[in-house]
Amino acid sequence: MEILIWLGAAVSLAGMVGLIWCIMTVWKARKAGLSDDALRQAVQKVVPVNTAALFLSVIGLMMVVIGILLS
């Protein structure tokens, strides 16, 4: 079950990288001084990636917990 723990940590880390990318993308869009409509479009493009990254993080953490419980 140790492999499940390490795989879960890797999946969770991949999700965290995705979340950081989303934060940086929206931050750059805000700093660019875009209009409200352009900023809204930029954020709407990031939302699916943000949701997928959050899902990956949650799945990874669940894998870690299951690996710990089964060991």
PDB file of N, CA and C in Angstrom:
ATOM      1  N   MET A   1       0.809  -1.203   0.000  1.00  0.00           N
ATOM      2  CA  MET A   1       0.000   0.000   0.000  1.00  0.00           C
ATOM      3  C   MET A   1       0.855   1.272   0.000  1.00  0.00           C
ATOM      4  N   GLU A   2       2.151   1.084   0.188  1.00  0.00           N
ATOM      5  CA  GLU A   2       3.025   2.249   0.174  1.00  0.00           C
ATOM      6  C   GLU A   2       3.021   2.925  -1.191  1.00  0.00           C
ATOM      7  N   ILE A   3       2.867   2.124  -2.255  1.00  0.00           N
ATOM      8  CA  ILE A   3       2.835   2.694  -3.601  1.00  0.00           C
ATOM      9  C   ILE A   3       1.601   3.579  -3.777  1.00  0.00           C
ATOM     10  N   LEU A   4       0.489   3.204  -3.146  1.00  0.00           N
ATOM     11  CA  LEU A   4      -0.731   4.012  -3.229  1.00  0.00           C
ATOM     12  C   LEU A   4      -0.525   5.366  -2.560  1.00  0.00           C
ATOM     13  N   ILE A   5       0.203   5.381  -1.481  1.00  0.00           N
ATOM     14  CA  ILE A   5       0.489   6.630  -0.775  1.00  0.00           C
ATOM     15  C   ILE A   5       1.326   7.547  -1.661  1.00  0.00           C
ATOM     16  N   TRP A   6       2.378   6.984  -2.286  1.00  0.00           N
ATOM     17  CA  TRP A   6       3.252   7.804  -3.126  1.00  0.00           C
ATOM     18  C   TRP A   6       2.544   8.258  -4.399  1.00  0.00           C
ATOM     19  N   LEU A   7       1.727   7.391  -4.989  1.00  0.00           N
ATOM     20  CA  LEU A   7       0.958   7.801  -6.163  1.00  0.00           C
ATOM     21  C   LEU A   7      -0.032   8.905  -5.800  1.00  0.00           C
ATOM     22  N   GLY A   8      -0.670   8.755  -4.654  1.00  0.00           N
ATOM     23  CA  GLY A   8      -1.601   9.790  -4.203  1.00  0.00           C
ATOM     24  C   GLY A   8      -0.900  11.119  -3.966  1.00  0.00           C
ATOM     25  N   ALA A   9       0.299  11.061  -3.406  1.00  0.00           N
ATOM     26  CA  ALA A   9       1.055  12.291  -3.190  1.00  0.00           C
ATOM     27  C   ALA A   9       1.423  12.940  -4.520  1.00  0.00           C
ATOM     28  N   ALA A  10       1.783  12.123  -5.505  1.00  0.00           N
ATOM     29  CA  ALA A  10       2.133  12.666  -6.823  1.00  0.00           C
ATOM     30  C   ALA A  10       0.915  13.284  -7.506  1.00  0.00           C
ATOM     31  N   VAL A  11      -0.223  12.621  -7.416  1.00  0.00           N
ATOM     32  CA  VAL A  11      -1.455  13.156  -8.017  1.00  0.00           C
ATOM     33  C   VAL A  11      -1.852  14.449  -7.322  1.00  0.00           C
ATOM     34  N   SER A  12      -1.753  14.474  -6.014  1.00  0.00           N
ATOM     35  CA  SER A  12      -2.090  15.677  -5.259  1.00  0.00           C
ATOM     36  C   SER A  12      -1.142  16.827  -5.603  1.00  0.00           C
ATOM     37  N   LEU A  13       0.128  16.507  -5.770  1.00  0.00           N
ATOM     38  CA  LEU A  13       1.105  17.528  -6.146  1.00  0.00           C
ATOM     39  C   LEU A  13       0.808  18.082  -7.540  1.00  0.00           C
ATOM     40  N   ALA A  14       0.403  17.216  -8.465  1.00  0.00           N
ATOM     41  CA  ALA A  14       0.031  17.670  -9.805  1.00  0.00           C
ATOM     42  C   ALA A  14      -1.168  18.627  -9.727  1.00  0.00           C
ATOM     43  N   GLY A  15      -2.122  18.310  -8.881  1.00  0.00           N
ATOM     44  CA  GLY A  15      -3.266  19.198  -8.686  1.00  0.00           C
ATOM     45  C   GLY A  15      -2.860  20.537  -8.097  1.00  0.00           C
ATOM     46  N   MET A  16      -1.926  20.504  -7.170  1.00  0.00           N
ATOM     47  CA  MET A  16      -1.450  21.760  -6.573  1.00  0.00           C
ATOM     48  C   MET A  16      -0.731  22.631  -7.603  1.00  0.00           C
ATOM     49  N   VAL A  17       0.041  21.996  -8.473  1.00  0.00           N
ATOM     50  CA  VAL A  17       0.708  22.746  -9.540  1.00  0.00           C
ATOM     51  C   VAL A  17      -0.332  23.404 -10.440  1.00  0.00           C
ATOM     52  N   GLY A  18      -1.394  22.684 -10.747  1.00  0.00           N
ATOM     53  CA  GLY A  18      -2.483  23.250 -11.545  1.00  0.00           C
ATOM     54  C   GLY A  18      -3.160  24.418 -10.852  1.00  0.00           C
ATOM     55  N   LEU A  19      -3.375  24.300  -9.560  1.00  0.00           N
ATOM     56  CA  LEU A  19      -3.994  25.396  -8.811  1.00  0.00           C
ATOM     57  C   LEU A  19      -3.097  26.629  -8.786  1.00  0.00           C
ATOM     58  N   ILE A  20      -1.807  26.414  -8.626  1.00  0.00           N
ATOM     59  CA  ILE A  20      -0.869  27.544  -8.631  1.00  0.00           C
ATOM     60  C   ILE A  20      -0.850  28.197 -10.005  1.00  0.00           C
ATOM     61  N   TRP A  21      -0.914  27.384 -11.069  1.00  0.00           N
ATOM     62  CA  TRP A  21      -0.964  27.944 -12.416  1.00  0.00           C
ATOM     63  C   TRP A  21      -2.217  28.813 -12.585  1.00  0.00           C
ATOM     64  N   CYS A  22      -3.347  28.355 -12.081  1.00  0.00           N
ATOM     65  CA  CYS A  22      -4.591  29.125 -12.174  1.00  0.00           C
ATOM     66  C   CYS A  22      -4.471  30.450 -11.430  1.00  0.00           C
ATOM     67  N   ILE A  23      -3.907  30.402 -10.249  1.00  0.00           N
ATOM     68  CA  ILE A  23      -3.732  31.625  -9.461  1.00  0.00           C
ATOM     69  C   ILE A  23      -2.847  32.613 -10.190  1.00  0.00           C
ATOM     70  N   MET A  24      -1.742  32.129 -10.742  1.00  0.00           N
ATOM     71  CA  MET A  24      -0.810  33.018 -11.445  1.00  0.00           C
ATOM     72  C   MET A  24      -1.438  33.600 -12.712  1.00  0.00           C
ATOM     73  N   THR A  25      -2.225  32.798 -13.421  1.00  0.00           N
ATOM     74  CA  THR A  25      -2.860  33.271 -14.649  1.00  0.00           C
ATOM     75  C   THR A  25      -3.861  34.386 -14.364  1.00  0.00           C
ATOM     76  N   VAL A  26      -4.694  34.188 -13.359  1.00  0.00           N
ATOM     77  CA  VAL A  26      -5.684  35.216 -13.017  1.00  0.00           C
ATOM     78  C   VAL A  26      -4.991  36.450 -12.448  1.00  0.00           C
ATOM     79  N   TRP A  27      -3.928  36.246 -11.687  1.00  0.00           N
ATOM     80  CA  TRP A  27      -3.189  37.362 -11.121  1.00  0.00           C
ATOM     81  C   TRP A  27      -2.594  38.227 -12.234  1.00  0.00           C
ATOM     82  N   LYS A  28      -2.005  37.591 -13.239  1.00  0.00           N
ATOM     83  CA  LYS A  28      -1.438  38.331 -14.377  1.00  0.00           C
ATOM     84  C   LYS A  28      -2.527  39.074 -15.133  1.00  0.00           C
ATOM     85  N   ALA A  29      -3.693  38.456 -15.274  1.00  0.00           N
ATOM     86  CA  ALA A  29      -4.800  39.108 -15.972  1.00  0.00           C
ATOM     87  C   ALA A  29      -5.279  40.334 -15.195  1.00  0.00           C
ATOM     88  N   ARG A  30      -5.309  40.235 -13.884  1.00  0.00           N
ATOM     89  CA  ARG A  30      -5.726  41.387 -13.071  1.00  0.00           C
ATOM     90  C   ARG A  30      -4.701  42.505 -13.147  1.00  0.00           C
ATOM     91  N   LYS A  31      -3.413  42.136 -13.125  1.00  0.00           N
ATOM     92  CA  LYS A  31      -2.351  43.149 -13.177  1.00  0.00           C
ATOM     93  C   LYS A  31      -2.291  43.829 -14.547  1.00  0.00           C
ATOM     94  N   ALA A  32      -2.789  43.168 -15.600  1.00  0.00           N
ATOM     95  CA  ALA A  32      -2.733  43.726 -16.949  1.00  0.00           C
ATOM     96  C   ALA A  32      -3.704  44.890 -17.123  1.00  0.00           C
ATOM     97  N   GLY A  33      -4.575  45.077 -16.187  1.00  0.00           N
ATOM     98  CA  GLY A  33      -5.511  46.196 -16.255  1.00  0.00           C
ATOM     99  C   GLY A  33      -6.559  46.021 -17.343  1.00  0.00           C
ATOM    100  N   LEU A  34      -7.038  44.812 -17.501  1.00  0.00           N
ATOM    101  CA  LEU A  34      -8.035  44.522 -18.524  1.00  0.00           C
ATOM    102  C   LEU A  34      -9.384  45.119 -18.128  1.00  0.00           C
ATOM    103  N   SER A  35     -10.223  45.296 -19.135  1.00  0.00           N
ATOM    104  CA  SER A  35     -11.579  45.764 -18.852  1.00  0.00           C
ATOM    105  C   SER A  35     -12.342  44.645 -18.146  1.00  0.00           C
ATOM    106  N   ASP A  36     -13.508  44.990 -17.640  1.00  0.00           N
ATOM    107  CA  ASP A  36     -14.297  44.006 -16.904  1.00  0.00           C
ATOM    108  C   ASP A  36     -14.652  42.797 -17.768  1.00  0.00           C
ATOM    109  N   ASP A  37     -15.041  43.056 -19.007  1.00  0.00           N
ATOM    110  CA  ASP A  37     -15.419  41.948 -19.885  1.00  0.00           C
ATOM    111  C   ASP A  37     -14.219  41.071 -20.219  1.00  0.00           C
ATOM    112  N   ALA A  38     -13.077  41.679 -20.488  1.00  0.00           N
ATOM    113  CA  ALA A  38     -11.876  40.908 -20.814  1.00  0.00           C
ATOM    114  C   ALA A  38     -11.403  40.109 -19.607  1.00  0.00           C
ATOM    115  N   LEU A  39     -11.478  40.704 -18.435  1.00  0.00           N
ATOM    116  CA  LEU A  39     -11.090  39.992 -17.217  1.00  0.00           C
ATOM    117  C   LEU A  39     -12.045  38.832 -16.949  1.00  0.00           C
ATOM    118  N   ARG A  40     -13.315  39.042 -17.183  1.00  0.00           N
ATOM    119  CA  ARG A  40     -14.301  37.981 -16.990  1.00  0.00           C
ATOM    120  C   ARG A  40     -14.026  36.823 -17.957  1.00  0.00           C
ATOM    121  N   GLN A  41     -13.674  37.138 -19.194  1.00  0.00           N
ATOM    122  CA  GLN A  41     -13.341  36.086 -20.164  1.00  0.00           C
ATOM    123  C   GLN A  41     -12.094  35.318 -19.742  1.00  0.00           C
ATOM    124  N   ALA A  42     -11.091  36.029 -19.247  1.00  0.00           N
ATOM    125  CA  ALA A  42      -9.859  35.370 -18.805  1.00  0.00           C
ATOM    126  C   ALA A  42     -10.139  34.430 -17.639  1.00  0.00           C
ATOM    127  N   VAL A  43     -10.967  34.868 -16.711  1.00  0.00           N
ATOM    128  CA  VAL A  43     -11.297  34.025 -15.553  1.00  0.00           C
ATOM    129  C   VAL A  43     -12.140  32.823 -15.993  1.00  0.00           C
ATOM    130  N   GLN A  44     -13.054  33.028 -16.931  1.00  0.00           N
ATOM    131  CA  GLN A  44     -13.885  31.925 -17.402  1.00  0.00           C
ATOM    132  C   GLN A  44     -13.064  30.852 -18.099  1.00  0.00           C
ATOM    133  N   LYS A  45     -11.955  31.236 -18.734  1.00  0.00           N
ATOM    134  CA  LYS A  45     -11.089  30.252 -19.372  1.00  0.00           C
ATOM    135  C   LYS A  45     -10.327  29.428 -18.340  1.00  0.00           C
ATOM    136  N   VAL A  46     -10.095  29.994 -17.168  1.00  0.00           N
ATOM    137  CA  VAL A  46      -9.313  29.321 -16.134  1.00  0.00           C
ATOM    138  C   VAL A  46     -10.187  28.413 -15.267  1.00  0.00           C
ATOM    139  N   VAL A  47     -11.470  28.669 -15.206  1.00  0.00           N
ATOM    140  CA  VAL A  47     -12.356  27.920 -14.306  1.00  0.00           C
ATOM    141  C   VAL A  47     -12.328  26.407 -14.546  1.00  0.00           C
ATOM    142  N   PRO A  48     -12.403  25.905 -15.784  1.00  0.00           N
ATOM    143  CA  PRO A  48     -12.350  24.443 -15.950  1.00  0.00           C
ATOM    144  C   PRO A  48     -11.020  23.828 -15.490  1.00  0.00           C
ATOM    145  N   VAL A  49      -9.926  24.527 -15.747  1.00  0.00           N
ATOM    146  CA  VAL A  49      -8.618  24.034 -15.303  1.00  0.00           C
ATOM    147  C   VAL A  49      -8.559  24.037 -13.782  1.00  0.00           C
ATOM    148  N   ASN A  50      -9.112  25.077 -13.180  1.00  0.00           N
ATOM    149  CA  ASN A  50      -9.133  25.176 -11.722  1.00  0.00           C
ATOM    150  C   ASN A  50      -9.943  24.022 -11.118  1.00  0.00           C
ATOM    151  N   THR A  51     -11.080  23.724 -11.712  1.00  0.00           N
ATOM    152  CA  THR A  51     -11.916  22.633 -11.216  1.00  0.00           C
ATOM    153  C   THR A  51     -11.207  21.290 -11.350  1.00  0.00           C
ATOM    154  N   ALA A  52     -10.561  21.070 -12.491  1.00  0.00           N
ATOM    155  CA  ALA A  52      -9.831  19.814 -12.698  1.00  0.00           C
ATOM    156  C   ALA A  52      -8.662  19.692 -11.728  1.00  0.00           C
ATOM    157  N   ALA A  53      -7.958  20.780 -11.489  1.00  0.00           N
ATOM    158  CA  ALA A  53      -6.825  20.744 -10.562  1.00  0.00           C
ATOM    159  C   ALA A  53      -7.300  20.471  -9.138  1.00  0.00           C
ATOM    160  N   LEU A  54      -8.395  21.067  -8.761  1.00  0.00           N
ATOM    161  CA  LEU A  54      -8.955  20.811  -7.431  1.00  0.00           C
ATOM    162  C   LEU A  54      -9.386  19.353  -7.304  1.00  0.00           C
ATOM    163  N   PHE A  55      -9.990  18.819  -8.356  1.00  0.00           N
ATOM    164  CA  PHE A  55     -10.392  17.414  -8.371  1.00  0.00           C
ATOM    165  C   PHE A  55      -9.179  16.506  -8.219  1.00  0.00           C
ATOM    166  N   LEU A  56      -8.099  16.806  -8.942  1.00  0.00           N
ATOM    167  CA  LEU A  56      -6.877  16.005  -8.828  1.00  0.00           C
ATOM    168  C   LEU A  56      -6.321  16.040  -7.409  1.00  0.00           C
ATOM    169  N   SER A  57      -6.317  17.208  -6.804  1.00  0.00           N
ATOM    170  CA  SER A  57      -5.808  17.320  -5.438  1.00  0.00           C
ATOM    171  C   SER A  57      -6.635  16.489  -4.463  1.00  0.00           C
ATOM    172  N   VAL A  58      -7.930  16.544  -4.609  1.00  0.00           N
ATOM    173  CA  VAL A  58      -8.811  15.789  -3.715  1.00  0.00           C
ATOM    174  C   VAL A  58      -8.634  14.285  -3.920  1.00  0.00           C
ATOM    175  N   ILE A  59      -8.573  13.853  -5.182  1.00  0.00           N
ATOM    176  CA  ILE A  59      -8.386  12.433  -5.465  1.00  0.00           C
ATOM    177  C   ILE A  59      -7.040  11.963  -4.904  1.00  0.00           C
ATOM    178  N   GLY A  60      -6.006  12.763  -5.064  1.00  0.00           N
ATOM    179  CA  GLY A  60      -4.693  12.403  -4.534  1.00  0.00           C
ATOM    180  C   GLY A  60      -4.706  12.269  -3.025  1.00  0.00           C
ATOM    181  N   LEU A  61      -5.352  13.198  -2.361  1.00  0.00           N
ATOM    182  CA  LEU A  61      -5.432  13.118  -0.902  1.00  0.00           C
ATOM    183  C   LEU A  61      -6.245  11.910  -0.448  1.00  0.00           C
ATOM    184  N   MET A  62      -7.296  11.579  -1.205  1.00  0.00           N
ATOM    185  CA  MET A  62      -8.067  10.395  -0.873  1.00  0.00           C
ATOM    186  C   MET A  62      -7.229   9.134  -1.056  1.00  0.00           C
ATOM    187  N   MET A  63      -6.397   9.100  -2.086  1.00  0.00           N
ATOM    188  CA  MET A  63      -5.527   7.953  -2.295  1.00  0.00           C
ATOM    189  C   MET A  63      -4.543   7.803  -1.137  1.00  0.00           C
ATOM    190  N   VAL A  64      -4.024   8.923  -0.671  1.00  0.00           N
ATOM    191  CA  VAL A  64      -3.082   8.878   0.467  1.00  0.00           C
ATOM    192  C   VAL A  64      -3.782   8.342   1.707  1.00  0.00           C
ATOM    193  N   VAL A  65      -4.959   8.837   1.994  1.00  0.00           N
ATOM    194  CA  VAL A  65      -5.694   8.399   3.181  1.00  0.00           C
ATOM    195  C   VAL A  65      -6.037   6.916   3.079  1.00  0.00           C
ATOM    196  N   ILE A  66      -6.493   6.474   1.919  1.00  0.00           N
ATOM    197  CA  ILE A  66      -6.817   5.055   1.748  1.00  0.00           C
ATOM    198  C   ILE A  66      -5.563   4.196   1.893  1.00  0.00           C
ATOM    199  N   GLY A  67      -4.456   4.666   1.333  1.00  0.00           N
ATOM    200  CA  GLY A  67      -3.195   3.928   1.482  1.00  0.00           C
ATOM    201  C   GLY A  67      -2.759   3.814   2.920  1.00  0.00           C
ATOM    202  N   ILE A  68      -2.954   4.879   3.685  1.00  0.00           N
ATOM    203  CA  ILE A  68      -2.589   4.844   5.114  1.00  0.00           C
ATOM    204  C   ILE A  68      -3.513   3.902   5.878  1.00  0.00           C
ATOM    205  N   LEU A  69      -4.805   3.965   5.576  1.00  0.00           N
ATOM    206  CA  LEU A  69      -5.752   3.102   6.278  1.00  0.00           C
ATOM    207  C   LEU A  69      -5.527   1.629   5.972  1.00  0.00           C
ATOM    208  N   LEU A  70      -5.108   1.305   4.768  1.00  0.00           N
ATOM    209  CA  LEU A  70      -4.917  -0.091   4.384  1.00  0.00           C
ATOM    210  C   LEU A  70      -3.559  -0.650   4.784  1.00  0.00           C
ATOM    211  N   SER A  71      -2.625   0.231   5.187  1.00  0.00           N
ATOM    212  CA  SER A  71      -1.312  -0.304   5.572  1.00  0.00           C
ATOM    213  C   SER A  71      -1.255  -0.661   7.039  1.00  0.00           C
TER     214      SER A  71
END
